[in-house]
Amino acid sequence: MMKNILKETSDVLVLNTTTFTFATLADVEVVLKIAVLLLSIIYTTDKIIYNRKRRKKNESKDVAKKSK
């Protein structure tokens, strides 16, 4: 009798642990996807700003060379 209850309890515990693990991993995956999306947006914005500043600096140097 006690062995049967212990087996049922362990089966339920394993099932609950497995379900909780998969649910948690699914939540973690969503958070990671959002984090990667935000990081890629920030990186792209930073590269755009950097390239615009560099292009403006190069254009001002070209204008100074042409005026000489």
Protein backbone atom coordinates (compact mmCIF):
# COMPACT_ATOMS: atom_id res chain seq x y z
CA MET A 1 0.00 0.00 0.00
CA MET A 2 2.71 2.51 1.02
CA LYS A 3 4.84 1.52 -1.96
CA ASN A 4 1.93 2.17 -4.32
CA ILE A 5 1.31 5.67 -2.87
CA LEU A 6 5.02 6.47 -3.10
CA LYS A 7 5.09 5.38 -6.75
CA GLU A 8 2.03 7.47 -7.62
CA THR A 9 3.50 10.48 -5.84
CA SER A 10 6.81 10.13 -7.66
CA ASP A 11 5.00 9.80 -11.01
CA VAL A 12 3.06 12.99 -10.37
CA LEU A 13 6.22 14.77 -9.21
CA VAL A 14 8.10 13.77 -12.38
CA LEU A 15 5.19 14.88 -14.57
CA ASN A 16 4.88 18.22 -12.77
CA THR A 17 8.62 18.84 -12.93
CA THR A 18 8.73 18.06 -16.64
CA THR A 19 5.76 20.32 -17.37
CA PHE A 20 7.22 23.14 -15.29
CA THR A 21 10.59 22.82 -17.04
CA PHE A 22 9.08 23.04 -20.52
CA ALA A 23 6.84 25.95 -19.53
CA THR A 24 9.78 27.79 -18.01
CA LEU A 25 11.97 27.17 -21.07
CA ALA A 26 9.23 28.52 -23.31
CA ASP A 27 9.07 31.70 -21.21
CA VAL A 28 12.85 32.03 -21.27
CA GLU A 29 12.84 31.63 -25.04
CA VAL A 30 10.38 34.51 -25.44
CA VAL A 31 12.47 36.74 -23.18
CA LEU A 32 15.63 35.88 -25.10
CA LYS A 33 13.95 36.61 -28.43
CA ILE A 34 12.86 40.03 -27.19
CA ALA A 35 16.35 40.73 -25.81
CA VAL A 36 18.00 39.81 -29.12
CA LEU A 37 15.53 41.96 -31.03
CA LEU A 38 16.21 44.97 -28.79
CA LEU A 39 19.97 44.49 -29.01
CA SER A 40 19.86 44.25 -32.79
CA ILE A 41 17.78 47.45 -33.00
CA ILE A 42 20.24 49.29 -30.73
CA TYR A 43 23.24 47.97 -32.69
CA THR A 44 21.74 48.96 -36.03
CA THR A 45 20.85 52.43 -34.79
CA ASP A 46 24.37 52.89 -33.44
CA LYS A 47 25.92 51.86 -36.77
CA ILE A 48 23.63 54.24 -38.68
CA ILE A 49 24.59 57.15 -36.43
CA TYR A 50 28.30 56.26 -36.63
CA ASN A 51 28.23 56.03 -40.44
CA ARG A 52 26.35 59.33 -40.79
CA LYS A 53 28.90 61.13 -38.60
CA ARG A 54 31.79 59.57 -40.52
CA ARG A 55 30.24 60.48 -43.87
CA LYS A 56 29.68 64.10 -42.78
CA LYS A 57 33.27 64.33 -41.56
CA ASN A 58 34.58 62.95 -44.87
CA GLU A 59 32.36 65.30 -46.88
CA SER A 60 33.66 68.32 -44.96
CA LYS A 61 37.25 67.20 -45.64
CA ASP A 62 36.46 66.81 -49.36
CA VAL A 63 34.92 70.29 -49.49
CA ALA A 64 38.00 71.77 -47.79
CA LYS A 65 40.31 70.01 -50.29
CA LYS A 66 38.29 71.23 -53.30
CA SER A 67 38.29 74.84 -52.08
CA LYS A 68 42.10 74.93 -51.89
